């Protein structure tokens, strides 16, 4: 990353963490006229914000055990549908029970929903199976709720884009390495660019820790402590889309009980595994097997479906738990850290993707009180502006643009997701305009490149070649970019390498090793699969 910042910079507010909450907070503060900098050690949505199933909760999932979280999700989901409609597919959702499920839970579900203000309509079984043929013949009850699908990448990218248009600044791939304390205040924050270069010093009035699962580590750097539980969740991506709606199992939250629509695919999960470390986390074949086994009774086609990818994220849950991390509330908390002797440091963590706007509002209100700013929050009523360069994350957007405005000289780089060269050019130009040195992985995060069945085997090469032709990549840089991009895509394929996807992976291995000598860890991954005898 190439930055034009001096070694010492000033701002009113430093936000730590570039997920949905941190970017929503940058937007909220910028709309109130407050100068802020957002610092992120990796990239936008690199943590749990980019490793979830994209469910905009109606709240119905939590009505039995966490009514507070259910009410928050219901209210915030309605707000996001109004102000950020371009990031949402209002698919609706079904809660589905099958033979053997708890009939008392089924009977109580409508009243629990009513108590939380959530609309739940009984659906005739024949109607439900006509609408969603993938449902099991053993289905015994179906309720319709206002669930939806949300694109967390577009939400965060457009939130940050509006914040930047109002003066906010973004530092990607830059880590907080220390705080300099002056009595009850943090006067200076020390930052280290991970791509090299001298340490940066930020003189601040307020600091907000929105680092998600890393919030405890950041707080400890400032001399504060937070009790948190880390819950790892794994999800699988199917080759085709199996349902038009969100499909939830009508039972208390458990493993493999949600299937989300995601453009041309479905996302199935999740798991909940207590972990103690945030490093080197990945999805496993055992978790993939568990998800398939648990979801197949509701959606039998999943037992024989082709999966193209698995991924895992860590939920930042507040408090402590025993072996069952699902018992920990999905609510959020805002810590002012005044009991830790700090008057200008706050942490906002926990919560859900659905409640990110509310989390940002509460944190911004605290910051404004401390700064003496009386401006009210505008994010609940002000529409999120659409940014053309941020739209390419949406499944199907590239295909629509290809049909609508295709030009003969606009090369198709990704056939699976219909991503053309002009889309890559737009993303690259937007990053360069922000003084960044874009990578192939950056482009993949901001587009559908690498998201299809080949997982970048062909489009990764074509995109790199395109960037060589435009002069954006030169000399050895493209080879390094390809290796990094393929490494990330391969990591998500190992847990689902059986059947057709194993053949796809072997083709990709031959292509990459043959052209570039890219042995790296591909051969090791396939050897692991062979040992598991999953083919």
Protein backbone atom coordinates (compact mmCIF):
# COMPACT_ATOMS: atom_id res chain seq x y z
CA UNK A 1 0.00 0.00 0.00
CA UNK A 2 1.27 3.43 -0.93
CA UNK A 3 0.19 6.13 1.50
CA UNK A 4 0.74 9.85 1.36
CA UNK A 5 0.41 10.31 5.13
CA UNK A 6 3.05 12.05 7.25
CA UNK A 7 4.59 10.02 10.08
CA UNK A 8 2.48 11.98 12.62
CA UNK A 9 -1.18 12.66 11.86
CA UNK A 10 -4.10 14.05 13.84
CA UNK A 11 -7.74 13.13 13.96
CA UNK A 12 -10.68 13.51 16.30
CA UNK A 13 -11.57 9.80 16.30
CA UNK A 14 -9.55 6.70 15.43
CA UNK A 15 -11.67 3.63 14.65
CA UNK A 16 -9.93 0.25 14.92
CA UNK A 17 -11.46 -2.46 12.72
CA UNK A 18 -12.78 -2.38 9.16
CA UNK A 19 -15.75 -4.72 9.42
CA UNK A 20 -19.42 -3.84 9.09
CA UNK A 21 -19.47 -2.09 12.48
CA UNK A 22 -16.27 -0.10 11.98
CA UNK A 23 -17.27 1.09 8.52
CA UNK A 24 -20.80 1.92 9.72
CA UNK A 25 -19.25 3.94 12.55
CA UNK A 26 -17.00 5.85 10.13
CA UNK A 27 -20.09 6.73 8.08
CA UNK A 28 -22.08 7.74 11.17
CA UNK A 29 -19.33 10.02 12.49
CA UNK A 30 -18.63 11.54 9.06
CA UNK A 31 -22.33 12.38 8.64
CA UNK A 32 -22.14 14.21 11.98
CA UNK A 33 -19.17 16.24 10.73
CA UNK A 34 -16.54 14.48 12.86
CA UNK A 35 -13.07 13.84 11.45
CA UNK A 36 -12.11 10.17 11.71
CA UNK A 37 -9.59 7.61 10.53
CA UNK A 38 -10.39 3.90 10.24
CA UNK A 39 -7.41 1.56 10.61
CA UNK A 40 -7.64 -2.10 9.56
CA UNK A 41 -4.86 -4.66 9.86
CA UNK A 42 -6.01 -6.52 6.76
CA UNK A 43 -8.82 -5.37 4.45
CA UNK A 44 -12.50 -4.45 4.59
CA UNK A 45 -14.55 -7.31 6.11
CA UNK A 46 -11.49 -9.52 6.59
CA UNK A 47 -12.89 -11.02 9.81
CA UNK A 48 -16.36 -12.30 10.72
CA UNK A 49 -17.99 -9.54 8.63
CA UNK A 50 -16.78 -11.29 5.50
CA UNK A 51 -17.15 -14.87 6.72
CA UNK A 52 -20.84 -15.12 7.56
CA UNK A 53 -23.82 -16.43 5.62
CA UNK A 54 -25.19 -13.00 4.67
CA UNK A 55 -28.46 -13.42 6.58
CA UNK A 56 -30.40 -10.27 7.38
CA UNK A 57 -32.18 -11.64 10.42
CA UNK A 58 -35.87 -11.13 11.01
CA UNK A 59 -35.02 -12.08 14.60
CA UNK A 60 -37.03 -15.28 14.46
CA UNK A 61 -33.95 -17.44 15.08
CA UNK A 62 -33.60 -15.98 18.56
CA UNK A 63 -37.21 -15.69 19.74
CA UNK A 64 -37.04 -18.68 22.09
CA UNK A 65 -33.82 -17.96 23.96
CA UNK A 66 -32.76 -14.35 23.33
CA UNK A 67 -35.79 -12.08 22.88
CA UNK A 68 -33.65 -8.94 23.21
CA UNK A 69 -31.48 -9.95 20.24
CA UNK A 70 -34.61 -10.93 18.30
CA UNK A 71 -36.20 -7.50 18.79
CA UNK A 72 -32.98 -5.71 17.83
CA UNK A 73 -32.65 -7.79 14.65
CA UNK A 74 -36.26 -7.20 13.68
CA UNK A 75 -36.02 -3.42 14.09
CA UNK A 76 -32.60 -3.06 12.47
CA UNK A 77 -33.50 -5.35 9.58
CA UNK A 78 -36.43 -3.06 8.77
CA UNK A 79 -34.16 0.00 8.86
CA UNK A 80 -31.54 -1.54 6.57
CA UNK A 81 -34.22 -2.58 4.09
CA UNK A 82 -35.20 1.09 3.86
CA UNK A 83 -31.83 2.83 3.81
CA UNK A 84 -29.54 0.24 2.17
CA UNK A 85 -31.91 -1.54 -0.20
CA UNK A 86 -29.25 -1.99 -2.88
CA UNK A 87 -27.35 -4.35 -0.56
CA UNK A 88 -30.37 -6.55 0.19
CA UNK A 89 -32.38 -9.24 -1.57
CA UNK A 90 -35.72 -9.36 0.23
CA UNK A 91 -36.13 -13.09 -0.30
CA UNK A 92 -38.30 -13.89 2.69
CA UNK A 93 -37.64 -16.98 4.74
CA UNK A 94 -39.14 -20.27 5.86
CA UNK A 95 -38.76 -21.93 9.25
CA UNK A 96 -39.18 -25.65 8.57
CA UNK A 97 -39.74 -28.57 10.94
CA UNK A 98 -39.39 -32.21 9.93
CA UNK A 99 -40.57 -35.43 11.52
CA UNK A 100 -38.88 -35.94 14.87
CA UNK A 101 -38.46 -32.23 15.67
CA UNK A 102 -39.69 -30.88 19.00
CA UNK A 103 -43.44 -30.38 18.61
CA UNK A 104 -43.66 -28.17 21.71
CA UNK A 105 -41.14 -25.79 20.13
CA UNK A 106 -43.17 -25.79 16.91
CA UNK A 107 -46.37 -24.99 18.79
CA UNK A 108 -44.79 -22.13 20.77
CA UNK A 109 -42.93 -20.55 17.86
CA UNK A 110 -45.78 -18.25 16.65
CA UNK A 111 -46.36 -16.79 20.12
CA UNK A 112 -42.64 -16.21 20.65
CA UNK A 113 -42.48 -14.37 17.32
CA UNK A 114 -45.54 -12.31 18.23
CA UNK A 115 -43.94 -11.34 21.55
CA UNK A 116 -40.92 -9.94 19.64
CA UNK A 117 -43.05 -8.19 17.02
CA UNK A 118 -42.04 -10.57 14.23
CA UNK A 119 -44.59 -11.62 11.62
CA UNK A 120 -44.77 -15.41 11.31
CA UNK A 121 -47.35 -16.86 8.89
CA UNK A 122 -48.32 -20.53 8.85
CA UNK A 123 -47.69 -21.92 5.35
CA UNK A 124 -49.64 -24.85 3.95
CA UNK A 125 -47.26 -27.77 3.42
CA UNK A 126 -48.26 -28.30 -0.20
CA UNK A 127 -47.77 -24.59 -0.90
CA UNK A 128 -44.37 -24.61 0.81
CA UNK A 129 -43.09 -27.57 -1.19
CA UNK A 130 -44.45 -26.09 -4.41
CA UNK A 131 -42.55 -22.87 -3.67
CA UNK A 132 -39.41 -24.67 -2.48
CA UNK A 133 -39.19 -28.15 -4.04
CA UNK A 134 -35.93 -28.89 -2.21
CA UNK A 135 -37.82 -29.24 1.09
CA UNK A 136 -38.04 -32.73 2.52
CA UNK A 137 -41.17 -34.84 2.08
CA UNK A 138 -40.92 -35.36 5.85
CA UNK A 139 -41.70 -31.68 6.49
CA UNK A 140 -44.42 -31.29 9.12
CA UNK A 141 -44.61 -27.51 9.68
CA UNK A 142 -43.57 -24.33 7.85
CA UNK A 143 -43.72 -20.69 8.96
CA UNK A 144 -42.93 -17.72 6.74
CA UNK A 145 -40.87 -14.87 8.30
CA UNK A 146 -39.33 -11.66 6.86
CA UNK A 147 -35.74 -12.91 6.60
CA UNK A 148 -33.59 -11.54 3.77
CA UNK A 149 -30.14 -11.82 2.21
CA UNK A 150 -27.63 -8.99 2.57
CA UNK A 151 -24.30 -8.40 0.84
CA UNK A 152 -21.96 -7.49 3.72
CA UNK A 153 -19.13 -6.50 1.38
CA UNK A 154 -21.19 -3.97 -0.54
CA UNK A 155 -22.65 -2.65 2.73
CA UNK A 156 -19.19 -2.03 4.20
CA UNK A 157 -17.59 -0.76 1.00
CA UNK A 158 -20.36 1.74 0.35
CA UNK A 159 -20.45 2.85 3.99
CA UNK A 160 -16.72 3.52 3.84
CA UNK A 161 -17.02 5.20 0.46
CA UNK A 162 -19.56 7.70 1.76
CA UNK A 163 -17.45 8.30 4.88
CA UNK A 164 -14.43 9.02 2.70
CA UNK A 165 -16.43 11.38 0.50
CA UNK A 166 -17.11 13.36 3.71
CA UNK A 167 -13.47 13.46 4.75
CA UNK A 168 -12.85 10.20 6.60
CA UNK A 169 -9.59 8.35 5.94
CA UNK A 170 -8.88 4.61 5.62
CA UNK A 171 -5.61 2.84 6.44
CA UNK A 172 -5.67 -0.76 5.21
CA UNK A 173 -3.05 -3.37 6.14
CA UNK A 174 -1.97 -1.28 9.09
CA UNK A 175 -1.83 -2.69 12.62
CA UNK A 176 -2.23 -0.96 15.96
CA UNK A 177 0.94 -1.77 17.89
CA UNK A 178 0.60 0.43 20.94
CA UNK A 179 -0.97 3.34 22.79
CA UNK A 180 0.72 6.20 24.62
CA UNK A 181 -1.29 7.01 27.72
CA UNK A 182 -1.45 10.40 29.39
CA UNK A 183 -3.29 10.02 32.69
CA UNK A 184 -6.83 8.93 31.89
CA UNK A 185 -6.42 9.49 28.17
CA UNK A 186 -4.81 7.81 25.18
CA UNK A 187 -2.96 10.66 23.53
CA UNK A 188 -1.22 8.84 20.68
CA UNK A 189 -1.83 5.57 18.84
CA UNK A 190 1.12 3.83 17.21
CA UNK A 191 0.48 2.12 13.88
CA UNK A 192 2.68 -0.15 11.78
CA UNK A 193 2.00 -0.57 8.02
CA UNK A 194 2.25 -4.30 7.34
CA UNK A 195 3.63 -3.68 3.85
CA UNK A 196 6.69 -1.96 5.29
CA UNK A 197 7.62 1.62 5.93
CA UNK A 198 8.02 3.70 9.06
CA UNK A 199 5.70 3.56 12.05
CA UNK A 200 2.83 6.06 12.03
CA UNK A 201 1.74 8.03 15.07
CA UNK A 202 -1.86 9.24 15.33
CA UNK A 203 -2.71 11.96 17.82
CA UNK A 204 -6.35 11.43 18.82
CA UNK A 205 -9.17 12.80 20.91
CA UNK A 206 -11.16 9.54 21.00
CA UNK A 207 -10.46 5.91 20.13
CA UNK A 208 -13.14 3.31 19.33
CA UNK A 209 -12.23 -0.36 19.31
CA UNK A 210 -14.48 -2.09 16.75
CA UNK A 211 -12.08 -4.95 16.06
CA UNK A 212 -14.65 -7.76 16.36
CA UNK A 213 -13.06 -10.98 17.56
CA UNK A 214 -9.79 -9.09 18.08
CA UNK A 215 -11.43 -6.52 20.40
CA UNK A 216 -10.05 -8.19 23.52
CA UNK A 217 -6.46 -8.02 22.20
CA UNK A 218 -6.83 -4.36 21.24
CA UNK A 219 -8.34 -3.51 24.64
CA UNK A 220 -5.46 -5.22 26.42
CA UNK A 221 -3.01 -3.02 24.51
CA UNK A 222 -4.79 -0.05 26.07
CA UNK A 223 -4.71 -1.57 29.56
CA UNK A 224 -8.38 -2.63 29.60
CA UNK A 225 -9.93 -6.09 29.79
CA UNK A 226 -13.02 -7.62 28.20
CA UNK A 227 -14.38 -11.11 28.80
CA UNK A 228 -15.15 -12.75 25.47
CA UNK A 229 -15.90 -16.17 24.01
CA UNK A 230 -14.68 -17.14 20.54
CA UNK A 231 -17.08 -19.29 18.55
CA UNK A 232 -15.89 -20.65 15.21
CA UNK A 233 -18.56 -21.12 12.55
CA UNK A 234 -18.06 -23.01 9.27
CA UNK A 235 -20.20 -22.65 6.14
CA UNK A 236 -20.35 -24.45 2.78
CA UNK A 237 -21.06 -23.05 -0.69
CA UNK A 238 -23.03 -25.19 -3.17
CA UNK A 239 -22.43 -25.26 -6.92
CA UNK A 240 -26.04 -24.26 -7.68
CA UNK A 241 -28.82 -22.42 -5.89
CA UNK A 242 -31.21 -24.85 -4.22
CA UNK A 243 -33.89 -22.49 -2.88
CA UNK A 244 -35.15 -18.97 -3.50
CA UNK A 245 -35.73 -18.18 0.19
CA UNK A 246 -33.76 -18.37 3.39
CA UNK A 247 -34.49 -21.82 4.85
CA UNK A 248 -34.14 -22.26 8.64
CA UNK A 249 -34.69 -25.39 10.69
CA UNK A 250 -37.58 -24.86 13.11
CA UNK A 251 -35.76 -25.77 16.30
CA UNK A 252 -33.39 -24.20 18.79
CA UNK A 253 -30.25 -22.98 16.98
CA UNK A 254 -27.88 -25.81 16.15
CA UNK A 255 -25.47 -27.09 13.52
CA UNK A 256 -26.37 -27.11 9.83
CA UNK A 257 -29.76 -25.47 10.24
CA UNK A 258 -29.65 -22.55 7.75
CA UNK A 259 -29.47 -22.44 3.97
CA UNK A 260 -29.04 -19.00 2.42
CA UNK A 261 -29.59 -17.90 -1.18
CA UNK A 262 -26.47 -16.27 -2.60
CA UNK A 263 -26.92 -15.36 -6.24
CA UNK A 264 -26.43 -18.55 -8.26
CA UNK A 265 -25.40 -20.60 -5.21
CA UNK A 266 -26.62 -21.50 -1.74
CA UNK A 267 -24.69 -21.10 1.52
CA UNK A 268 -25.24 -23.82 4.11
CA UNK A 269 -24.24 -23.86 7.76
CA UNK A 270 -23.27 -23.24 10.31
CA UNK A 271 -21.34 -24.80 13.17
CA UNK A 272 -20.43 -23.44 16.59
CA UNK A 273 -17.13 -24.59 18.03
CA UNK A 274 -15.43 -22.99 21.02
CA UNK A 275 -11.87 -21.91 20.13
CA UNK A 276 -9.21 -20.21 22.21
CA UNK A 277 -7.04 -18.76 19.44
CA UNK A 278 -7.82 -16.56 16.45
CA UNK A 279 -4.82 -17.70 14.43
CA UNK A 280 -4.69 -20.33 11.67
CA UNK A 281 -8.42 -21.06 11.68
CA UNK A 282 -9.86 -22.97 8.75
CA UNK A 283 -12.84 -25.09 7.84
CA UNK A 284 -12.34 -28.84 8.15
CA UNK A 285 -13.69 -31.87 6.33
CA UNK A 286 -15.25 -33.11 9.58
CA UNK A 287 -17.20 -29.85 9.87
CA UNK A 288 -18.33 -30.16 6.25
CA UNK A 289 -19.55 -33.69 6.95
CA UNK A 290 -21.40 -32.47 10.05
CA UNK A 291 -23.16 -29.66 8.17
CA UNK A 292 -24.29 -32.03 5.41
CA UNK A 293 -25.51 -34.63 7.91
CA UNK A 294 -27.47 -32.07 9.96
CA UNK A 295 -29.00 -30.19 7.01
CA UNK A 296 -29.96 -33.13 4.79
CA UNK A 297 -33.07 -34.14 6.82
CA UNK A 298 -34.57 -30.72 5.97
CA UNK A 299 -33.05 -30.44 2.47
CA UNK A 300 -32.27 -33.95 1.15
CA UNK A 301 -30.55 -32.70 -2.03
CA UNK A 302 -27.63 -31.52 0.11
CA UNK A 303 -26.61 -35.15 0.73
CA UNK A 304 -25.49 -35.43 -2.90
CA UNK A 305 -24.88 -31.77 -3.79
CA UNK A 306 -21.62 -30.47 -5.21
CA UNK A 307 -19.92 -28.00 -2.89
CA UNK A 308 -17.34 -25.61 -4.30
CA UNK A 309 -15.99 -24.03 -1.14
CA UNK A 310 -15.97 -23.98 2.66
CA UNK A 311 -15.02 -21.08 4.89
CA UNK A 312 -14.93 -20.27 8.58
CA UNK A 313 -15.19 -17.19 10.74
CA UNK A 314 -15.11 -16.43 14.45
CA UNK A 315 -18.06 -14.92 16.29
CA UNK A 316 -17.04 -12.40 18.95
CA UNK A 317 -19.38 -13.32 21.80
CA UNK A 318 -19.53 -11.44 25.08
CA UNK A 319 -18.94 -13.17 28.38
CA UNK A 320 -17.86 -16.73 28.99
CA UNK A 321 -19.40 -20.07 28.17
CA UNK A 322 -18.89 -23.73 28.90
CA UNK A 323 -18.83 -26.22 26.07
CA UNK A 324 -21.92 -24.71 24.40
CA UNK A 325 -21.08 -21.30 22.92
CA UNK A 326 -24.60 -21.11 21.47
CA UNK A 327 -25.75 -20.36 25.03
CA UNK A 328 -23.98 -16.98 24.89
CA UNK A 329 -26.18 -14.04 23.88
CA UNK A 330 -25.95 -12.69 20.34
CA UNK A 331 -26.50 -9.19 21.71
CA UNK A 332 -23.82 -6.52 21.67
CA UNK A 333 -22.22 -4.29 24.27
CA UNK A 334 -20.58 -0.88 24.36
CA UNK A 335 -17.82 -0.47 26.96
CA UNK A 336 -16.78 3.07 27.91
CA UNK A 337 -13.73 1.74 29.85
CA UNK A 338 -14.02 4.51 32.42
CA UNK A 339 -13.75 1.81 35.10
CA UNK A 340 -10.34 1.05 33.56
CA UNK A 341 -9.26 4.65 34.08
CA UNK A 342 -9.77 5.71 30.45
CA UNK A 343 -11.97 8.63 29.39
CA UNK A 344 -11.38 8.56 25.63
CA UNK A 345 -11.41 4.83 24.78
CA UNK A 346 -14.47 2.69 23.98
CA UNK A 347 -15.11 -0.83 22.70
CA UNK A 348 -18.16 -1.97 20.75
CA UNK A 349 -18.35 -5.70 20.07
CA UNK A 350 -20.62 -8.73 19.93
CA UNK A 351 -23.87 -8.40 18.04
CA UNK A 352 -24.84 -9.49 14.56
CA UNK A 353 -24.32 -8.28 11.01
CA UNK A 354 -27.96 -7.20 11.15
CA UNK A 355 -27.33 -4.89 14.12
CA UNK A 356 -24.16 -3.21 12.85
CA UNK A 357 -25.86 0.15 12.21
CA UNK A 358 -27.28 0.26 15.75
CA UNK A 359 -23.91 -0.72 17.24
CA UNK A 360 -22.28 2.13 15.32
CA UNK A 361 -24.97 4.59 16.42
CA UNK A 362 -24.50 3.74 20.11
CA UNK A 363 -20.71 4.08 19.82
CA UNK A 364 -21.02 7.36 17.90
CA UNK A 365 -23.41 8.76 20.52
CA UNK A 366 -20.83 8.05 23.24
CA UNK A 367 -18.04 9.65 21.20
CA UNK A 368 -20.17 12.72 20.52
CA UNK A 369 -21.01 13.18 24.20
CA UNK A 370 -17.32 13.06 25.02
CA UNK A 371 -16.45 15.53 22.25
CA UNK A 372 -19.32 17.88 23.08
CA UNK A 373 -20.92 17.34 19.67
CA UNK A 374 -24.70 17.60 19.62
CA UNK A 375 -25.36 16.38 16.06
CA UNK A 376 -27.92 13.59 15.90
CA UNK A 377 -27.45 10.22 14.22
CA UNK A 378 -28.60 10.24 10.58
CA UNK A 379 -27.97 6.67 9.51
CA UNK A 380 -31.46 5.38 10.36
CA UNK A 381 -33.09 7.78 7.92
CA UNK A 382 -30.41 8.74 5.36
CA UNK A 383 -30.16 6.36 2.39
CA UNK A 384 -26.75 4.83 1.80
CA UNK A 385 -25.53 6.21 -1.54
CA UNK A 386 -24.80 3.67 -4.22
CA UNK A 387 -21.18 3.65 -5.38
CA UNK A 388 -20.74 2.11 -8.85
CA UNK A 389 -17.31 0.70 -8.01
CA UNK A 390 -18.78 -1.11 -4.98
CA UNK A 391 -21.59 -2.88 -6.83
CA UNK A 392 -19.46 -5.69 -8.29
CA UNK A 393 -19.67 -7.81 -5.11
CA UNK A 394 -23.37 -8.45 -5.73
CA UNK A 395 -24.06 -11.92 -7.20
CA UNK A 396 -25.54 -11.52 -10.68
CA UNK A 397 -24.58 -7.85 -11.07
CA UNK A 398 -21.74 -8.63 -13.48
CA UNK A 399 -23.99 -10.78 -15.64
CA UNK A 400 -26.63 -8.05 -15.87
CA UNK A 401 -24.01 -5.48 -16.81
CA UNK A 402 -22.57 -7.84 -19.42
CA UNK A 403 -25.95 -8.25 -21.10
CA UNK A 404 -26.85 -4.56 -20.80
CA UNK A 405 -23.68 -2.83 -21.90
CA UNK A 406 -21.23 -5.35 -23.32
CA UNK A 407 -18.73 -3.92 -25.78
CA UNK A 408 -16.76 -5.99 -28.25
CA UNK A 409 -13.42 -4.98 -26.73
CA UNK A 410 -14.54 -5.56 -23.12
CA UNK A 411 -12.91 -8.92 -22.37
CA UNK A 412 -14.83 -11.48 -20.33
CA UNK A 413 -12.40 -12.49 -17.59
CA UNK A 414 -14.64 -14.73 -15.46
CA UNK A 415 -17.11 -16.96 -17.27
CA UNK A 416 -18.64 -18.39 -14.09
CA UNK A 417 -19.65 -14.97 -12.73
CA UNK A 418 -19.53 -12.95 -16.01
CA UNK A 419 -16.96 -10.43 -14.79
CA UNK A 420 -15.61 -8.26 -17.61
CA UNK A 421 -12.40 -6.32 -17.87
CA UNK A 422 -14.14 -2.98 -17.38
CA UNK A 423 -15.30 -4.10 -13.93
CA UNK A 424 -11.73 -4.95 -12.90
CA UNK A 425 -10.56 -1.62 -14.32
CA UNK A 426 -13.17 0.29 -12.30
CA UNK A 427 -12.20 -1.46 -9.06
CA UNK A 428 -8.49 -0.97 -9.70
CA UNK A 429 -8.97 2.71 -10.50
CA UNK A 430 -11.02 3.30 -7.32
CA UNK A 431 -8.31 1.73 -5.17
CA UNK A 432 -5.56 3.69 -6.91
CA UNK A 433 -7.53 6.91 -6.37
CA UNK A 434 -7.34 6.17 -2.65
CA UNK A 435 -3.52 5.91 -2.82
CA UNK A 436 -3.60 2.12 -2.60
CA UNK A 437 -1.51 -0.36 -4.56
CA UNK A 438 -4.25 -2.88 -5.45
CA UNK A 439 -3.61 -6.62 -5.36
CA UNK A 440 -5.35 -9.45 -7.17
CA UNK A 441 -6.82 -10.50 -3.82
CA UNK A 442 -8.18 -6.96 -3.33
CA UNK A 443 -9.95 -7.25 -6.68
CA UNK A 444 -11.34 -10.67 -5.77
CA UNK A 445 -12.79 -9.29 -2.53
CA UNK A 446 -14.49 -6.40 -4.39
CA UNK A 447 -15.86 -8.47 -7.26
CA UNK A 448 -17.04 -11.97 -8.16
CA UNK A 449 -13.64 -13.00 -9.58
CA UNK A 450 -12.77 -16.42 -8.14
CA UNK A 451 -16.23 -17.03 -6.65
CA UNK A 452 -17.47 -19.56 -9.23
CA UNK A 453 -17.02 -23.29 -9.60
CA UNK A 454 -13.41 -23.06 -10.81
CA UNK A 455 -12.53 -20.95 -7.73
CA UNK A 456 -10.21 -18.72 -9.74
CA UNK A 457 -8.41 -21.42 -11.73
CA UNK A 458 -9.12 -19.63 -15.01
CA UNK A 459 -10.31 -16.15 -14.07
CA UNK A 460 -7.37 -15.59 -11.75
CA UNK A 461 -5.01 -16.09 -14.68
CA UNK A 462 -7.11 -13.98 -17.04
CA UNK A 463 -7.44 -11.13 -14.57
CA UNK A 464 -3.69 -11.07 -13.93
CA UNK A 465 -3.04 -11.15 -17.69
CA UNK A 466 -5.51 -8.30 -18.17
CA UNK A 467 -3.69 -6.21 -15.56
CA UNK A 468 -0.41 -6.89 -17.35
CA UNK A 469 -1.97 -5.69 -20.61
CA UNK A 470 -3.18 -2.48 -18.99
CA UNK A 471 0.24 -1.90 -17.47
CA UNK A 472 -0.99 -2.18 -13.89
CA UNK A 473 1.08 -5.32 -13.25
CA UNK A 474 4.71 -5.42 -14.31
CA UNK A 475 7.74 -7.73 -14.10
CA UNK A 476 7.43 -10.41 -11.38
CA UNK A 477 4.59 -8.77 -9.52
CA UNK A 478 1.83 -10.65 -11.33
CA UNK A 479 3.33 -14.05 -10.50
CA UNK A 480 3.43 -13.16 -6.82
CA UNK A 481 -0.15 -11.92 -7.00
CA UNK A 482 -1.33 -15.13 -8.66
CA UNK A 483 0.38 -17.27 -6.02
CA UNK A 484 -1.22 -15.29 -3.19
CA UNK A 485 -4.66 -15.33 -4.82
CA UNK A 486 -4.57 -19.07 -5.54
CA UNK A 487 -3.33 -19.82 -2.04
CA UNK A 488 -6.41 -18.13 -0.54
CA UNK A 489 -8.82 -19.88 -2.92
CA UNK A 490 -7.21 -23.29 -2.37
CA UNK A 491 -7.54 -22.99 1.39
CA UNK A 492 -11.32 -22.98 1.07
CA UNK A 493 -11.53 -25.99 -1.23
CA UNK A 494 -9.78 -28.65 0.82
CA UNK A 495 -12.76 -29.53 3.08
CA UNK A 496 -15.09 -30.18 0.10
CA UNK A 497 -12.78 -31.96 -2.35
CA UNK A 498 -14.81 -34.94 -3.38
CA UNK A 499 -16.72 -35.88 -6.51
CA UNK A 500 -16.87 -33.22 -9.22
CA UNK A 501 -15.08 -30.61 -7.16
CA UNK A 502 -12.10 -32.92 -6.72
CA UNK A 503 -11.86 -33.26 -10.50
CA UNK A 504 -12.09 -29.47 -10.78
CA UNK A 505 -9.28 -29.09 -8.26
CA UNK A 506 -7.07 -31.58 -10.09
CA UNK A 507 -7.56 -29.58 -13.30
CA UNK A 508 -6.61 -26.37 -11.48
CA UNK A 509 -3.55 -28.06 -10.00
CA UNK A 510 -2.38 -29.23 -13.43
CA UNK A 511 -2.96 -25.77 -14.86
CA UNK A 512 -1.15 -23.87 -12.14
CA UNK A 513 1.70 -26.29 -11.66
CA UNK A 514 2.14 -26.69 -15.39
CA UNK A 515 2.21 -22.98 -16.17
CA UNK A 516 3.90 -21.59 -13.10
CA UNK A 517 5.45 -24.47 -11.19
CA UNK A 518 3.06 -23.51 -8.42
CA UNK A 519 3.46 -26.62 -6.28
CA UNK A 520 3.20 -24.65 -3.03
CA UNK A 521 0.68 -26.62 -1.02
CA UNK A 522 -1.73 -27.85 -3.72
CA UNK A 523 -0.19 -31.32 -3.89
CA UNK A 524 -0.28 -31.56 -0.10
CA UNK A 525 -3.96 -30.65 -0.06
CA UNK A 526 -4.84 -33.33 -2.59
CA UNK A 527 -2.73 -35.85 -0.68
CA UNK A 528 -4.78 -35.05 2.43
CA UNK A 529 -7.96 -35.73 0.51
CA UNK A 530 -6.60 -39.00 -0.83
CA UNK A 531 -5.74 -40.11 2.69
CA UNK A 532 -9.28 -39.38 3.78
CA UNK A 533 -10.45 -41.52 0.86
CA UNK A 534 -13.27 -39.13 0.08
CA UNK A 535 -13.05 -39.54 -3.69
